[in-house]
C-alpha cells in the first residue's frame, strides 16, 4: 500500500514541470496570428451583378419572393440572419465622390452586408452561396437555387472568388476586368 501512494508526489511534480505552474493552471494566453489578407471584394461587380440576384424575384418551393421580401433579409423587418439588404437601394453612378460618401449609400450597406457572409476568395466556404443551396447549412427560406450551375449562383461565386488586388480598396478599377468588355457601365457580368 505504501508503494502505490509513494508515486503520487512524483506524478504531481512531473505534471507541474510540463509548462510551468500546476497541472490545473490555465493555459498561457493564446496569440492568434495577424490577418494575412485585408482584401476586399469588388463594389462595382456587386452592384451590377450580385445586387440584382438579391433583389430579384426567385421562385422556390414556397412561392415567388426575393431575398429582401417577406421579412427575410430586408433591413427593416428581416429575420433572416446576418444578411441585411436595403430593398430598392439606389445605384451608385458617381465614383468621383469621397469614399466616406460612397460608403454611406444604401448600395454600399448592401455590399457590406453581403461581403460579411462570404469567405473572401472561397465561395465554397461562404454562406452567401451555401445557404440558398442548402449545402451543409440550414436556410429558413429553403432551397432557393436548384444547383450550383444556376447563373445567379455563378455570379455569387465569381464575385467571391475574385477579390480586388491586395492593397486596393473595393472601388478599384482593376475589377473592370470582371466585365465583357472591361467596362462596368456597358459590359456584361462574367461568371466564369
C-alpha atoms as a PDB file:
ATOM      1  CA  UNK A   1       0.000   0.000   0.000  1.00  0.00           C
ATOM      2  CA  UNK A   2       2.804   2.459   0.724  1.00  0.00           C
ATOM      3  CA  UNK A   3       4.281   1.724  -2.642  1.00  0.00           C
ATOM      4  CA  UNK A   4       1.163   2.937  -4.524  1.00  0.00           C
ATOM      5  CA  UNK A   5       0.924   6.273  -2.625  1.00  0.00           C
ATOM      6  CA  UNK A   6       4.633   6.979  -2.793  1.00  0.00           C
ATOM      7  CA  UNK A   7       4.418   7.558  -6.578  1.00  0.00           C
ATOM      8  CA  UNK A   8       1.752  10.328  -6.294  1.00  0.00           C
ATOM      9  CA  UNK A   9       4.219  13.114  -5.353  1.00  0.00           C
ATOM     10  CA  UNK A  10       6.408  12.100  -8.303  1.00  0.00           C
ATOM     11  CA  UNK A  11       3.458  12.305 -10.781  1.00  0.00           C
ATOM     12  CA  UNK A  12       2.369  15.721  -9.423  1.00  0.00           C
ATOM     13  CA  UNK A  13       5.939  17.002  -9.681  1.00  0.00           C
ATOM     14  CA  UNK A  14       6.188  15.783 -13.302  1.00  0.00           C
ATOM     15  CA  UNK A  15       2.858  17.377 -14.280  1.00  0.00           C
ATOM     16  CA  UNK A  16       3.873  20.689 -12.720  1.00  0.00           C
ATOM     17  CA  UNK A  17       7.072  20.709 -14.747  1.00  0.00           C
ATOM     18  CA  UNK A  18       5.168  20.407 -18.065  1.00  0.00           C
ATOM     19  CA  UNK A  19       4.927  24.061 -18.988  1.00  0.00           C
ATOM     20  CA  UNK A  20       5.322  25.614 -15.567  1.00  0.00           C
ATOM     21  CA  UNK A  21       2.827  26.008 -12.772  1.00  0.00           C
ATOM     22  CA  UNK A  22       0.323  23.478 -11.631  1.00  0.00           C
ATOM     23  CA  UNK A  23      -1.226  20.891 -13.908  1.00  0.00           C
ATOM     24  CA  UNK A  24      -4.528  22.593 -13.132  1.00  0.00           C
ATOM     25  CA  UNK A  25      -3.438  26.114 -14.232  1.00  0.00           C
ATOM     26  CA  UNK A  26      -4.969  27.785 -17.276  1.00  0.00           C
ATOM     27  CA  UNK A  27      -3.004  27.662 -20.479  1.00  0.00           C
ATOM     28  CA  UNK A  28      -0.920  30.730 -21.316  1.00  0.00           C
ATOM     29  CA  UNK A  29      -2.694  33.356 -23.397  1.00  0.00           C
ATOM     30  CA  UNK A  30      -3.275  32.310 -26.969  1.00  0.00           C
ATOM     31  CA  UNK A  31      -1.956  34.648 -29.626  1.00  0.00           C
ATOM     32  CA  UNK A  32      -3.973  34.462 -32.822  1.00  0.00           C
ATOM     33  CA  UNK A  33      -1.950  35.177 -35.940  1.00  0.00           C
ATOM     34  CA  UNK A  34      -2.449  38.562 -37.533  1.00  0.00           C
ATOM     35  CA  UNK A  35      -4.723  38.765 -40.548  1.00  0.00           C
ATOM     36  CA  UNK A  36      -2.867  37.981 -43.726  1.00  0.00           C
ATOM     37  CA  UNK A  37      -5.462  39.348 -46.111  1.00  0.00           C
ATOM     38  CA  UNK A  38      -7.390  42.521 -45.720  1.00  0.00           C
ATOM     39  CA  UNK A  39      -8.578  42.063 -49.290  1.00  0.00           C
ATOM     40  CA  UNK A  40     -11.987  43.228 -50.405  1.00  0.00           C
ATOM     41  CA  UNK A  41     -14.491  42.222 -52.989  1.00  0.00           C
ATOM     42  CA  UNK A  42     -15.398  44.493 -55.897  1.00  0.00           C
ATOM     43  CA  UNK A  43     -18.133  47.008 -55.161  1.00  0.00           C
ATOM     44  CA  UNK A  44     -18.936  47.653 -58.832  1.00  0.00           C
ATOM     45  CA  UNK A  45     -19.351  43.934 -59.586  1.00  0.00           C
ATOM     46  CA  UNK A  46     -21.561  43.601 -56.526  1.00  0.00           C
ATOM     47  CA  UNK A  47     -23.725  46.492 -57.646  1.00  0.00           C
ATOM     48  CA  UNK A  48     -24.117  45.313 -61.257  1.00  0.00           C
ATOM     49  CA  UNK A  49     -24.133  41.536 -60.850  1.00  0.00           C
ATOM     50  CA  UNK A  50     -24.792  40.445 -57.241  1.00  0.00           C
ATOM     51  CA  UNK A  51     -27.317  43.037 -56.035  1.00  0.00           C
ATOM     52  CA  UNK A  52     -29.771  42.055 -58.820  1.00  0.00           C
ATOM     53  CA  UNK A  53     -29.632  38.440 -57.558  1.00  0.00           C
ATOM     54  CA  UNK A  54     -30.518  39.590 -54.048  1.00  0.00           C
ATOM     55  CA  UNK A  55     -33.367  41.841 -55.247  1.00  0.00           C
ATOM     56  CA  UNK A  56     -34.793  39.517 -57.941  1.00  0.00           C
ATOM     57  CA  UNK A  57     -37.984  37.571 -57.592  1.00  0.00           C
ATOM     58  CA  UNK A  58     -36.977  33.974 -57.021  1.00  0.00           C
ATOM     59  CA  UNK A  59     -39.313  31.038 -57.483  1.00  0.00           C
ATOM     60  CA  UNK A  60     -38.863  28.402 -54.820  1.00  0.00           C
ATOM     61  CA  UNK A  61     -40.958  25.702 -53.186  1.00  0.00           C
ATOM     62  CA  UNK A  62     -42.666  28.352 -51.050  1.00  0.00           C
ATOM     63  CA  UNK A  63     -43.736  30.517 -53.992  1.00  0.00           C
ATOM     64  CA  UNK A  64     -42.063  33.536 -55.528  1.00  0.00           C
ATOM     65  CA  UNK A  65     -40.213  36.118 -53.486  1.00  0.00           C
ATOM     66  CA  UNK A  66     -36.911  37.953 -53.235  1.00  0.00           C
ATOM     67  CA  UNK A  67     -34.176  37.730 -50.621  1.00  0.00           C
ATOM     68  CA  UNK A  68     -35.348  41.102 -49.323  1.00  0.00           C
ATOM     69  CA  UNK A  69     -39.041  40.275 -49.383  1.00  0.00           C
ATOM     70  CA  UNK A  70     -41.481  38.822 -46.900  1.00  0.00           C
ATOM     71  CA  UNK A  71     -39.465  39.583 -43.788  1.00  0.00           C
ATOM     72  CA  UNK A  72     -36.436  37.582 -44.827  1.00  0.00           C
ATOM     73  CA  UNK A  73     -33.326  39.700 -45.372  1.00  0.00           C
ATOM     74  CA  UNK A  74     -34.666  43.239 -45.561  1.00  0.00           C
ATOM     75  CA  UNK A  75     -33.180  45.809 -43.211  1.00  0.00           C
ATOM     76  CA  UNK A  76     -36.497  46.832 -41.658  1.00  0.00           C
ATOM     77  CA  UNK A  77     -38.262  43.647 -40.637  1.00  0.00           C
ATOM     78  CA  UNK A  78     -35.868  40.919 -41.731  1.00  0.00           C
ATOM     79  CA  UNK A  79     -35.490  37.841 -39.598  1.00  0.00           C
ATOM     80  CA  UNK A  80     -33.042  36.029 -41.864  1.00  0.00           C
ATOM     81  CA  UNK A  81     -29.718  36.061 -40.074  1.00  0.00           C
ATOM     82  CA  UNK A  82     -26.737  38.321 -40.700  1.00  0.00           C
ATOM     83  CA  UNK A  83     -27.500  39.247 -44.311  1.00  0.00           C
ATOM     84  CA  UNK A  84     -29.470  42.518 -44.387  1.00  0.00           C
ATOM     85  CA  UNK A  85     -30.383  44.194 -47.674  1.00  0.00           C
ATOM     86  CA  UNK A  86     -31.957  47.618 -48.214  1.00  0.00           C
ATOM     87  CA  UNK A  87     -34.769  46.979 -50.717  1.00  0.00           C
ATOM     88  CA  UNK A  88     -34.523  49.115 -53.847  1.00  0.00           C
ATOM     89  CA  UNK A  89     -31.129  50.627 -52.984  1.00  0.00           C
ATOM     90  CA  UNK A  90     -30.190  53.320 -55.495  1.00  0.00           C
ATOM     91  CA  UNK A  91     -27.350  52.549 -57.874  1.00  0.00           C
ATOM     92  CA  UNK A  92     -24.124  54.470 -57.310  1.00  0.00           C
ATOM     93  CA  UNK A  93     -23.108  56.174 -60.550  1.00  0.00           C
ATOM     94  CA  UNK A  94     -20.652  58.839 -59.424  1.00  0.00           C
ATOM     95  CA  UNK A  95     -17.453  57.186 -58.263  1.00  0.00           C
ATOM     96  CA  UNK A  96     -15.684  60.541 -58.002  1.00  0.00           C
ATOM     97  CA  UNK A  97     -17.452  61.123 -54.685  1.00  0.00           C
ATOM     98  CA  UNK A  98     -15.408  60.917 -51.494  1.00  0.00           C
ATOM     99  CA  UNK A  99     -15.048  57.366 -50.208  1.00  0.00           C
ATOM    100  CA  UNK A 100     -16.913  58.172 -46.988  1.00  0.00           C
ATOM    101  CA  UNK A 101     -19.854  59.436 -49.092  1.00  0.00           C
ATOM    102  CA  UNK A 102     -19.821  56.253 -51.214  1.00  0.00           C
ATOM    103  CA  UNK A 103     -19.706  54.128 -48.071  1.00  0.00           C
ATOM    104  CA  UNK A 104     -22.757  55.928 -46.652  1.00  0.00           C
ATOM    105  CA  UNK A 105     -25.039  54.836 -49.523  1.00  0.00           C
ATOM    106  CA  UNK A 106     -27.684  52.122 -49.220  1.00  0.00           C
ATOM    107  CA  UNK A 107     -25.989  50.197 -52.033  1.00  0.00           C
ATOM    108  CA  UNK A 108     -22.776  50.134 -50.014  1.00  0.00           C
ATOM    109  CA  UNK A 109     -24.709  48.922 -46.954  1.00  0.00           C
ATOM    110  CA  UNK A 110     -25.960  46.029 -49.072  1.00  0.00           C
ATOM    111  CA  UNK A 111     -22.446  45.351 -50.356  1.00  0.00           C
ATOM    112  CA  UNK A 112     -21.013  45.410 -46.836  1.00  0.00           C
ATOM    113  CA  UNK A 113     -23.684  43.054 -45.514  1.00  0.00           C
ATOM    114  CA  UNK A 114     -23.251  40.601 -48.398  1.00  0.00           C
ATOM    115  CA  UNK A 115     -19.464  40.648 -48.069  1.00  0.00           C
ATOM    116  CA  UNK A 116     -19.952  39.822 -44.387  1.00  0.00           C
ATOM    117  CA  UNK A 117     -21.436  36.424 -45.235  1.00  0.00           C
ATOM    118  CA  UNK A 118     -18.575  35.442 -47.516  1.00  0.00           C
ATOM    119  CA  UNK A 119     -15.146  34.000 -47.044  1.00  0.00           C
ATOM    120  CA  UNK A 120     -13.227  36.164 -49.476  1.00  0.00           C
ATOM    121  CA  UNK A 121     -11.620  34.041 -52.152  1.00  0.00           C
ATOM    122  CA  UNK A 122     -13.509  30.891 -51.041  1.00  0.00           C
ATOM    123  CA  UNK A 123     -17.060  30.667 -52.412  1.00  0.00           C
ATOM    124  CA  UNK A 124     -17.421  27.042 -51.261  1.00  0.00           C
ATOM    125  CA  UNK A 125     -16.997  28.213 -47.655  1.00  0.00           C
ATOM    126  CA  UNK A 126     -19.326  31.220 -47.970  1.00  0.00           C
ATOM    127  CA  UNK A 127     -22.817  31.301 -46.508  1.00  0.00           C
ATOM    128  CA  UNK A 128     -23.963  33.608 -49.311  1.00  0.00           C
ATOM    129  CA  UNK A 129     -23.555  30.619 -51.638  1.00  0.00           C
ATOM    130  CA  UNK A 130     -24.188  27.677 -49.317  1.00  0.00           C
ATOM    131  CA  UNK A 131     -27.395  28.763 -47.566  1.00  0.00           C
ATOM    132  CA  UNK A 132     -29.645  29.206 -50.623  1.00  0.00           C
ATOM    133  CA  UNK A 133     -28.277  25.898 -51.963  1.00  0.00           C
ATOM    134  CA  UNK A 134     -28.770  24.128 -48.600  1.00  0.00           C
ATOM    135  CA  UNK A 135     -25.179  22.906 -48.728  1.00  0.00           C
ATOM    136  CA  UNK A 136     -24.224  21.902 -45.203  1.00  0.00           C
ATOM    137  CA  UNK A 137     -26.248  24.674 -43.559  1.00  0.00           C
ATOM    138  CA  UNK A 138     -29.925  25.277 -42.916  1.00  0.00           C
ATOM    139  CA  UNK A 139     -31.753  28.146 -44.608  1.00  0.00           C
ATOM    140  CA  UNK A 140     -35.096  29.322 -43.260  1.00  0.00           C
ATOM    141  CA  UNK A 141     -36.043  30.368 -46.782  1.00  0.00           C
ATOM    142  CA  UNK A 142     -35.471  26.839 -48.025  1.00  0.00           C
ATOM    143  CA  UNK A 143     -33.825  25.849 -51.261  1.00  0.00           C
ATOM    144  CA  UNK A 144     -33.567  28.935 -53.495  1.00  0.00           C
ATOM    145  CA  UNK A 145     -31.308  27.731 -56.301  1.00  0.00           C
ATOM    146  CA  UNK A 146     -31.708  24.192 -57.626  1.00  0.00           C
ATOM    147  CA  UNK A 147     -27.971  23.698 -58.142  1.00  0.00           C
ATOM    148  CA  UNK A 148     -24.630  25.465 -58.346  1.00  0.00           C
ATOM    149  CA  UNK A 149     -24.881  25.702 -62.155  1.00  0.00           C
ATOM    150  CA  UNK A 150     -27.579  28.366 -61.854  1.00  0.00           C
ATOM    151  CA  UNK A 151     -26.281  31.604 -63.444  1.00  0.00           C
ATOM    152  CA  UNK A 152     -27.179  33.531 -60.269  1.00  0.00           C
ATOM    153  CA  UNK A 153     -25.064  31.204 -58.147  1.00  0.00           C
ATOM    154  CA  UNK A 154     -22.256  31.513 -60.682  1.00  0.00           C
ATOM    155  CA  UNK A 155     -22.354  35.328 -60.291  1.00  0.00           C
ATOM    156  CA  UNK A 156     -22.089  34.974 -56.491  1.00  0.00           C
ATOM    157  CA  UNK A 157     -19.218  32.502 -56.813  1.00  0.00           C
ATOM    158  CA  UNK A 158     -17.392  34.653 -59.375  1.00  0.00           C
ATOM    159  CA  UNK A 159     -17.623  37.748 -57.142  1.00  0.00           C
ATOM    160  CA  UNK A 160     -16.390  35.921 -54.042  1.00  0.00           C
ATOM    161  CA  UNK A 161     -13.527  34.171 -55.815  1.00  0.00           C
ATOM    162  CA  UNK A 162     -12.065  37.355 -57.332  1.00  0.00           C
ATOM    163  CA  UNK A 163     -11.143  39.919 -54.684  1.00  0.00           C
ATOM    164  CA  UNK A 164      -9.502  43.125 -55.798  1.00  0.00           C
ATOM    165  CA  UNK A 165      -5.688  43.078 -55.639  1.00  0.00           C
ATOM    166  CA  UNK A 166      -4.155  43.358 -52.204  1.00  0.00           C
ATOM    167  CA  UNK A 167      -3.674  46.953 -51.116  1.00  0.00           C
ATOM    168  CA  UNK A 168      -6.530  48.255 -53.282  1.00  0.00           C
ATOM    169  CA  UNK A 169      -9.948  49.247 -51.999  1.00  0.00           C
ATOM    170  CA  UNK A 170     -13.317  47.877 -53.080  1.00  0.00           C
ATOM    171  CA  UNK A 171     -13.712  50.689 -55.649  1.00  0.00           C
ATOM    172  CA  UNK A 172     -10.578  49.681 -57.563  1.00  0.00           C
ATOM    173  CA  UNK A 173     -10.880  49.911 -61.334  1.00  0.00           C
ATOM    174  CA  UNK A 174      -8.935  46.650 -61.548  1.00  0.00           C
ATOM    175  CA  UNK A 175     -12.342  44.976 -61.151  1.00  0.00           C
ATOM    176  CA  UNK A 176     -13.348  46.245 -64.596  1.00  0.00           C
ATOM    177  CA  UNK A 177     -11.880  43.010 -65.973  1.00  0.00           C
ATOM    178  CA  UNK A 178     -14.852  41.233 -64.367  1.00  0.00           C
ATOM    179  CA  UNK A 179     -16.975  42.519 -67.277  1.00  0.00           C
ATOM    180  CA  UNK A 180     -17.025  41.847 -71.022  1.00  0.00           C
ATOM    181  CA  UNK A 181     -15.984  44.299 -72.402  1.00  0.00           C
ATOM    182  CA  UNK A 182     -13.947  45.541 -69.437  1.00  0.00           C
ATOM    183  CA  UNK A 183     -16.354  48.370 -68.637  1.00  0.00           C
ATOM    184  CA  UNK A 184     -18.899  48.098 -65.809  1.00  0.00           C
ATOM    185  CA  UNK A 185     -21.197  50.656 -67.499  1.00  0.00           C
ATOM    186  CA  UNK A 186     -21.609  48.684 -70.734  1.00  0.00           C
ATOM    187  CA  UNK A 187     -20.059  45.282 -70.097  1.00  0.00           C
ATOM    188  CA  UNK A 188     -21.800  42.049 -69.244  1.00  0.00           C
ATOM    189  CA  UNK A 189     -21.114  40.321 -65.933  1.00  0.00           C
ATOM    190  CA  UNK A 190     -18.614  37.499 -66.260  1.00  0.00           C
ATOM    191  CA  UNK A 191     -19.459  34.357 -64.342  1.00  0.00           C
ATOM    192  CA  UNK A 192     -16.644  32.064 -65.487  1.00  0.00           C
END
